[in-house]
Amino acid sequence: MIEAVPSRLEGAPHQVRRRWSDEFKAQAVAEAMQPGASVSAIARRIGVDPSQLFTWR
């Protein structure tokens, strides 16, 4: 017997991969490189994971 399997679990959020412009990344990195800047706080404010901002740096 063949059983149909949904491509994702019903009710699970549908996440689309986000693409950030080079300008957005450059601005975020410049802000994160300022003396005393908190990368985690900046990442939270702009809506990215702190590890992503560290990677961009």
PDB file of N, CA and C in Angstrom:
ATOM      1  N   MET A   1       0.841  -1.167   0.000  1.00  0.00           N
ATOM      2  CA  MET A   1       0.000   0.000   0.000  1.00  0.00           C
ATOM      3  C   MET A   1       0.899   1.247   0.000  1.00  0.00           C
ATOM      4  N   ILE A   2       0.558   2.225  -0.819  1.00  0.00           N
ATOM      5  CA  ILE A   2       1.288   3.485  -0.901  1.00  0.00           C
ATOM      6  C   ILE A   2       0.533   4.523  -0.089  1.00  0.00           C
ATOM      7  N   GLU A   3       1.262   5.208   0.745  1.00  0.00           N
ATOM      8  CA  GLU A   3       0.639   6.194   1.613  1.00  0.00           C
ATOM      9  C   GLU A   3       1.161   7.591   1.253  1.00  0.00           C
ATOM     10  N   ALA A   4       0.269   8.539   1.128  1.00  0.00           N
ATOM     11  CA  ALA A   4       0.669   9.915   0.822  1.00  0.00           C
ATOM     12  C   ALA A   4       1.210  10.576   2.086  1.00  0.00           C
ATOM     13  N   VAL A   5       2.341  11.251   1.944  1.00  0.00           N
ATOM     14  CA  VAL A   5       2.954  11.938   3.074  1.00  0.00           C
ATOM     15  C   VAL A   5       3.059  13.414   2.719  1.00  0.00           C
ATOM     16  N   PRO A   6       2.523  14.294   3.570  1.00  0.00           N
ATOM     17  CA  PRO A   6       2.612  15.719   3.262  1.00  0.00           C
ATOM     18  C   PRO A   6       4.070  16.176   3.277  1.00  0.00           C
ATOM     19  N   SER A   7       4.366  17.226   2.496  1.00  0.00           N
ATOM     20  CA  SER A   7       5.740  17.714   2.419  1.00  0.00           C
ATOM     21  C   SER A   7       6.182  18.368   3.716  1.00  0.00           C
ATOM     22  N   ARG A   8       5.241  18.838   4.526  1.00  0.00           N
ATOM     23  CA  ARG A   8       5.558  19.376   5.840  1.00  0.00           C
ATOM     24  C   ARG A   8       4.418  19.038   6.777  1.00  0.00           C
ATOM     25  N   LEU A   9       4.674  19.074   8.056  1.00  0.00           N
ATOM     26  CA  LEU A   9       3.634  18.741   9.016  1.00  0.00           C
ATOM     27  C   LEU A   9       2.517  19.766   8.964  1.00  0.00           C
ATOM     28  N   GLU A  10       1.311  19.268   9.032  1.00  0.00           N
ATOM     29  CA  GLU A  10       0.166  20.174   9.015  1.00  0.00           C
ATOM     30  C   GLU A  10       0.213  21.074  10.244  1.00  0.00           C
ATOM     31  N   GLY A  11       0.025  22.358  10.026  1.00  0.00           N
ATOM     32  CA  GLY A  11       0.061  23.313  11.116  1.00  0.00           C
ATOM     33  C   GLY A  11       1.442  23.894  11.371  1.00  0.00           C
ATOM     34  N   ALA A  12       2.472  23.299  10.773  1.00  0.00           N
ATOM     35  CA  ALA A  12       3.822  23.822  10.959  1.00  0.00           C
ATOM     36  C   ALA A  12       3.968  25.128  10.180  1.00  0.00           C
ATOM     37  N   PRO A  13       4.689  26.077  10.752  1.00  0.00           N
ATOM     38  CA  PRO A  13       4.851  27.347  10.029  1.00  0.00           C
ATOM     39  C   PRO A  13       5.639  27.154   8.750  1.00  0.00           C
ATOM     40  N   HIS A  14       5.237  27.860   7.724  1.00  0.00           N
ATOM     41  CA  HIS A  14       5.924  27.786   6.440  1.00  0.00           C
ATOM     42  C   HIS A  14       6.984  28.874   6.433  1.00  0.00           C
ATOM     43  N   GLN A  15       8.233  28.476   6.484  1.00  0.00           N
ATOM     44  CA  GLN A  15       9.316  29.452   6.537  1.00  0.00           C
ATOM     45  C   GLN A  15       9.979  29.576   5.183  1.00  0.00           C
ATOM     46  N   VAL A  16      10.136  30.799   4.773  1.00  0.00           N
ATOM     47  CA  VAL A  16      10.804  31.094   3.516  1.00  0.00           C
ATOM     48  C   VAL A  16      12.188  31.620   3.844  1.00  0.00           C
ATOM     49  N   ARG A  17      13.160  31.163   3.107  1.00  0.00           N
ATOM     50  CA  ARG A  17      14.525  31.625   3.340  1.00  0.00           C
ATOM     51  C   ARG A  17      14.594  33.120   3.045  1.00  0.00           C
ATOM     52  N   ARG A  18      15.125  33.871   4.011  1.00  0.00           N
ATOM     53  CA  ARG A  18      15.230  35.314   3.838  1.00  0.00           C
ATOM     54  C   ARG A  18      16.553  35.646   3.168  1.00  0.00           C
ATOM     55  N   ARG A  19      16.539  36.649   2.340  1.00  0.00           N
ATOM     56  CA  ARG A  19      17.741  37.124   1.668  1.00  0.00           C
ATOM     57  C   ARG A  19      17.983  38.559   2.106  1.00  0.00           C
ATOM     58  N   TRP A  20      19.165  38.829   2.602  1.00  0.00           N
ATOM     59  CA  TRP A  20      19.512  40.169   3.058  1.00  0.00           C
ATOM     60  C   TRP A  20      20.374  40.836   2.003  1.00  0.00           C
ATOM     61  N   SER A  21      20.097  42.101   1.732  1.00  0.00           N
ATOM     62  CA  SER A  21      20.890  42.828   0.743  1.00  0.00           C
ATOM     63  C   SER A  21      22.289  43.070   1.296  1.00  0.00           C
ATOM     64  N   ASP A  22      23.239  43.262   0.396  1.00  0.00           N
ATOM     65  CA  ASP A  22      24.613  43.558   0.806  1.00  0.00           C
ATOM     66  C   ASP A  22      24.670  44.851   1.606  1.00  0.00           C
ATOM     67  N   GLU A  23      23.836  45.812   1.249  1.00  0.00           N
ATOM     68  CA  GLU A  23      23.809  47.088   1.959  1.00  0.00           C
ATOM     69  C   GLU A  23      23.324  46.898   3.400  1.00  0.00           C
ATOM     70  N   PHE A  24      22.287  46.077   3.576  1.00  0.00           N
ATOM     71  CA  PHE A  24      21.765  45.805   4.913  1.00  0.00           C
ATOM     72  C   PHE A  24      22.836  45.151   5.772  1.00  0.00           C
ATOM     73  N   LYS A  25      23.511  44.139   5.200  1.00  0.00           N
ATOM     74  CA  LYS A  25      24.552  43.432   5.948  1.00  0.00           C
ATOM     75  C   LYS A  25      25.709  44.356   6.297  1.00  0.00           C
ATOM     76  N   ALA A  26      26.116  45.200   5.343  1.00  0.00           N
ATOM     77  CA  ALA A  26      27.226  46.124   5.582  1.00  0.00           C
ATOM     78  C   ALA A  26      26.879  47.099   6.702  1.00  0.00           C
ATOM     79  N   GLN A  27      25.646  47.596   6.711  1.00  0.00           N
ATOM     80  CA  GLN A  27      25.220  48.530   7.748  1.00  0.00           C
ATOM     81  C   GLN A  27      25.185  47.835   9.113  1.00  0.00           C
ATOM     82  N   ALA A  28      24.678  46.613   9.161  1.00  0.00           N
ATOM     83  CA  ALA A  28      24.603  45.870  10.417  1.00  0.00           C
ATOM     84  C   ALA A  28      25.999  45.572  10.951  1.00  0.00           C
ATOM     85  N   VAL A  29      26.913  45.172  10.072  1.00  0.00           N
ATOM     86  CA  VAL A  29      28.283  44.864  10.487  1.00  0.00           C
ATOM     87  C   VAL A  29      28.990  46.126  10.965  1.00  0.00           C
ATOM     88  N   ALA A  30      28.803  47.239  10.259  1.00  0.00           N
ATOM     89  CA  ALA A  30      29.433  48.494  10.670  1.00  0.00           C
ATOM     90  C   ALA A  30      28.962  48.892  12.064  1.00  0.00           C
ATOM     91  N   GLU A  31      27.676  48.716  12.323  1.00  0.00           N
ATOM     92  CA  GLU A  31      27.145  49.040  13.648  1.00  0.00           C
ATOM     93  C   GLU A  31      27.717  48.100  14.706  1.00  0.00           C
ATOM     94  N   ALA A  32      27.844  46.816  14.363  1.00  0.00           N
ATOM     95  CA  ALA A  32      28.356  45.827  15.315  1.00  0.00           C
ATOM     96  C   ALA A  32      29.847  46.007  15.605  1.00  0.00           C
ATOM     97  N   MET A  33      30.564  46.660  14.703  1.00  0.00           N
ATOM     98  CA  MET A  33      32.001  46.856  14.885  1.00  0.00           C
ATOM     99  C   MET A  33      32.330  48.085  15.738  1.00  0.00           C
ATOM    100  N   GLN A  34      31.321  48.883  16.080  1.00  0.00           N
ATOM    101  CA  GLN A  34      31.553  50.074  16.901  1.00  0.00           C
ATOM    102  C   GLN A  34      32.013  49.648  18.298  1.00  0.00           C
ATOM    103  N   PRO A  35      32.934  50.397  18.895  1.00  0.00           N
ATOM    104  CA  PRO A  35      33.389  50.064  20.256  1.00  0.00           C
ATOM    105  C   PRO A  35      32.207  50.046  21.233  1.00  0.00           C
ATOM    106  N   GLY A  36      32.136  48.988  22.017  1.00  0.00           N
ATOM    107  CA  GLY A  36      31.086  48.857  23.024  1.00  0.00           C
ATOM    108  C   GLY A  36      29.761  48.354  22.497  1.00  0.00           C
ATOM    109  N   ALA A  37      29.667  48.070  21.213  1.00  0.00           N
ATOM    110  CA  ALA A  37      28.410  47.600  20.629  1.00  0.00           C
ATOM    111  C   ALA A  37      28.119  46.166  21.072  1.00  0.00           C
ATOM    112  N   SER A  38      26.863  45.864  21.330  1.00  0.00           N
ATOM    113  CA  SER A  38      26.434  44.522  21.687  1.00  0.00           C
ATOM    114  C   SER A  38      25.861  43.849  20.437  1.00  0.00           C
ATOM    115  N   VAL A  39      26.577  42.858  19.940  1.00  0.00           N
ATOM    116  CA  VAL A  39      26.138  42.151  18.734  1.00  0.00           C
ATOM    117  C   VAL A  39      24.773  41.505  18.965  1.00  0.00           C
ATOM    118  N   SER A  40      24.577  40.931  20.132  1.00  0.00           N
ATOM    119  CA  SER A  40      23.296  40.280  20.425  1.00  0.00           C
ATOM    120  C   SER A  40      22.146  41.282  20.406  1.00  0.00           C
ATOM    121  N   ALA A  41      22.355  42.454  20.992  1.00  0.00           N
ATOM    122  CA  ALA A  41      21.301  43.473  21.025  1.00  0.00           C
ATOM    123  C   ALA A  41      21.000  43.983  19.617  1.00  0.00           C
ATOM    124  N   ILE A  42      22.033  44.196  18.828  1.00  0.00           N
ATOM    125  CA  ILE A  42      21.840  44.665  17.449  1.00  0.00           C
ATOM    126  C   ILE A  42      21.093  43.614  16.647  1.00  0.00           C
ATOM    127  N   ALA A  43      21.504  42.356  16.789  1.00  0.00           N
ATOM    128  CA  ALA A  43      20.849  41.267  16.055  1.00  0.00           C
ATOM    129  C   ALA A  43      19.374  41.180  16.419  1.00  0.00           C
ATOM    130  N   ARG A  44      19.067  41.267  17.705  1.00  0.00           N
ATOM    131  CA  ARG A  44      17.663  41.237  18.141  1.00  0.00           C
ATOM    132  C   ARG A  44      16.871  42.379  17.517  1.00  0.00           C
ATOM    133  N   ARG A  45      17.454  43.567  17.523  1.00  0.00           N
ATOM    134  CA  ARG A  45      16.762  44.750  17.015  1.00  0.00           C
ATOM    135  C   ARG A  45      16.462  44.640  15.524  1.00  0.00           C
ATOM    136  N   ILE A  46      17.414  44.080  14.751  1.00  0.00           N
ATOM    137  CA  ILE A  46      17.214  44.013  13.297  1.00  0.00           C
ATOM    138  C   ILE A  46      16.556  42.706  12.846  1.00  0.00           C
ATOM    139  N   GLY A  47      16.334  41.781  13.789  1.00  0.00           N
ATOM    140  CA  GLY A  47      15.593  40.563  13.470  1.00  0.00           C
ATOM    141  C   GLY A  47      16.406  39.443  12.863  1.00  0.00           C
ATOM    142  N   VAL A  48      17.676  39.337  13.244  1.00  0.00           N
ATOM    143  CA  VAL A  48      18.492  38.203  12.791  1.00  0.00           C
ATOM    144  C   VAL A  48      19.057  37.487  14.015  1.00  0.00           C
ATOM    145  N   ASP A  49      19.500  36.281  13.822  1.00  0.00           N
ATOM    146  CA  ASP A  49      20.126  35.526  14.893  1.00  0.00           C
ATOM    147  C   ASP A  49      21.520  36.101  15.144  1.00  0.00           C
ATOM    148  N   PRO A  50      21.940  36.205  16.397  1.00  0.00           N
ATOM    149  CA  PRO A  50      23.279  36.742  16.671  1.00  0.00           C
ATOM    150  C   PRO A  50      24.391  35.985  15.942  1.00  0.00           C
ATOM    151  N   SER A  51      24.242  34.671  15.790  1.00  0.00           N
ATOM    152  CA  SER A  51      25.273  33.915  15.087  1.00  0.00           C
ATOM    153  C   SER A  51      25.380  34.331  13.623  1.00  0.00           C
ATOM    154  N   GLN A  52      24.251  34.741  13.044  1.00  0.00           N
ATOM    155  CA  GLN A  52      24.271  35.214  11.653  1.00  0.00           C
ATOM    156  C   GLN A  52      25.063  36.508  11.538  1.00  0.00           C
ATOM    157  N   LEU A  53      24.847  37.402  12.495  1.00  0.00           N
ATOM    158  CA  LEU A  53      25.570  38.674  12.484  1.00  0.00           C
ATOM    159  C   LEU A  53      27.062  38.442  12.703  1.00  0.00           C
ATOM    160  N   PHE A  54      27.416  37.517  13.583  1.00  0.00           N
ATOM    161  CA  PHE A  54      28.828  37.178  13.781  1.00  0.00           C
ATOM    162  C   PHE A  54      29.430  36.634  12.483  1.00  0.00           C
ATOM    163  N   THR A  55      28.664  35.813  11.762  1.00  0.00           N
ATOM    164  CA  THR A  55      29.152  35.268  10.485  1.00  0.00           C
ATOM    165  C   THR A  55      29.386  36.373   9.471  1.00  0.00           C
ATOM    166  N   TRP A  56      28.468  37.328   9.405  1.00  0.00           N
ATOM    167  CA  TRP A  56      28.650  38.441   8.469  1.00  0.00           C
ATOM    168  C   TRP A  56      29.895  39.240   8.806  1.00  0.00           C
ATOM    169  N   ARG A  57      30.187  39.380  10.113  1.00  0.00           N
ATOM    170  CA  ARG A  57      31.382  40.127  10.515  1.00  0.00           C
ATOM    171  C   ARG A  57      32.621  39.445  10.003  1.00  0.00           C
TER     172      ARG A  57
END
